[in-house]
Amino acid sequence: MREVATLGSAAEAPNGQGGRTNAPSTSRDIAVSFLRLANLDSEIVDRLSRYEAGLWRHFVQTLFALQTLRRR
């Protein structure tokens, strides 16, 4: 598994008073999140995908059952 250097969760940006404050950097956070996801073991992502597919299947079955009951 590849390792990603930790970049931190917030970038420092100057405020209007000459001091520095921690302001979130949305694009940086998205990039870090993507790199973490890219470095995950594919087995975990496959398992999550199967879980999601199972949830959708149950959701459709529930809707079908509710529509059947509604028609009665």
Protein backbone atom coordinates (compact mmCIF):
# COMPACT_ATOMS: atom_id res chain seq x y z
CA MET A 1 0.00 0.00 0.00
CA ARG A 2 1.30 3.46 -0.87
CA GLU A 3 1.69 6.06 1.84
CA VAL A 4 0.52 9.67 1.58
CA ALA A 5 2.25 12.46 3.44
CA THR A 6 -0.06 14.19 5.88
CA LEU A 7 -0.88 17.66 4.62
CA GLY A 8 -3.04 18.80 7.51
CA SER A 9 -6.71 19.66 7.52
CA ALA A 10 -6.60 23.44 7.24
CA ALA A 11 -4.48 25.97 5.43
CA GLU A 12 -3.34 29.14 7.10
CA ALA A 13 -4.68 32.30 5.52
CA PRO A 14 -4.01 35.89 6.58
CA ASN A 15 -6.87 37.76 8.21
CA GLY A 16 -7.60 41.46 7.85
CA GLN A 17 -5.66 42.41 11.01
CA GLY A 18 -2.22 41.18 9.99
CA GLY A 19 -2.48 37.96 12.05
CA ARG A 20 -2.89 34.44 10.71
CA THR A 21 -5.88 32.19 11.23
CA ASN A 22 -6.69 28.63 10.25
CA ALA A 23 -9.18 28.77 7.37
CA PRO A 24 -10.37 25.55 5.71
CA SER A 25 -9.17 25.03 2.15
CA THR A 26 -11.93 23.16 0.34
CA SER A 27 -9.90 22.15 -2.71
CA ARG A 28 -7.03 20.95 -0.51
CA ASP A 29 -9.40 18.93 1.70
CA ILE A 30 -10.94 17.32 -1.40
CA ALA A 31 -7.49 16.46 -2.76
CA VAL A 32 -6.39 14.91 0.54
CA SER A 33 -9.64 12.94 0.78
CA PHE A 34 -9.19 11.68 -2.78
CA LEU A 35 -5.62 10.57 -2.06
CA ARG A 36 -6.75 8.70 1.05
CA LEU A 37 -9.50 6.98 -0.96
CA ALA A 38 -7.07 6.11 -3.75
CA ASN A 39 -4.76 4.46 -1.21
CA LEU A 40 -7.47 2.28 0.33
CA ASP A 41 -7.31 -1.43 -0.24
CA SER A 42 -9.60 -2.22 -3.17
CA GLU A 43 -11.20 -5.05 -1.19
CA ILE A 44 -12.68 -2.50 1.22
CA VAL A 45 -14.12 -0.44 -1.64
CA ASP A 46 -15.53 -3.59 -3.29
CA ARG A 47 -17.18 -4.61 -0.03
CA LEU A 48 -18.69 -1.14 0.36
CA SER A 49 -19.97 -1.31 -3.23
CA ARG A 50 -21.65 -4.67 -2.59
CA TYR A 51 -23.19 -3.29 0.62
CA GLU A 52 -24.54 -0.27 -1.26
CA ALA A 53 -25.98 -2.49 -4.00
CA GLY A 54 -27.69 -4.61 -1.35
CA LEU A 55 -29.20 -1.51 0.25
CA TRP A 56 -30.56 -0.32 -3.10
CA ARG A 57 -32.01 -3.77 -3.79
CA HIS A 58 -33.80 -3.75 -0.42
CA PHE A 59 -34.99 -0.20 -1.04
CA VAL A 60 -36.54 -1.16 -4.40
CA GLN A 61 -38.16 -4.25 -2.88
CA THR A 62 -39.65 -2.12 -0.10
CA LEU A 63 -41.02 0.41 -2.60
CA PHE A 64 -42.51 -2.41 -4.68
CA ALA A 65 -44.19 -3.91 -1.58
CA LEU A 66 -45.56 -0.53 -0.49
CA GLN A 67 -46.97 0.16 -3.97
CA THR A 68 -48.62 -3.26 -3.98
CA LEU A 69 -50.21 -2.59 -0.60
CA ARG A 70 -51.31 0.88 -1.71
CA ARG A 71 -53.23 -0.52 -4.70
CA ARG A 72 -55.39 -2.74 -2.47
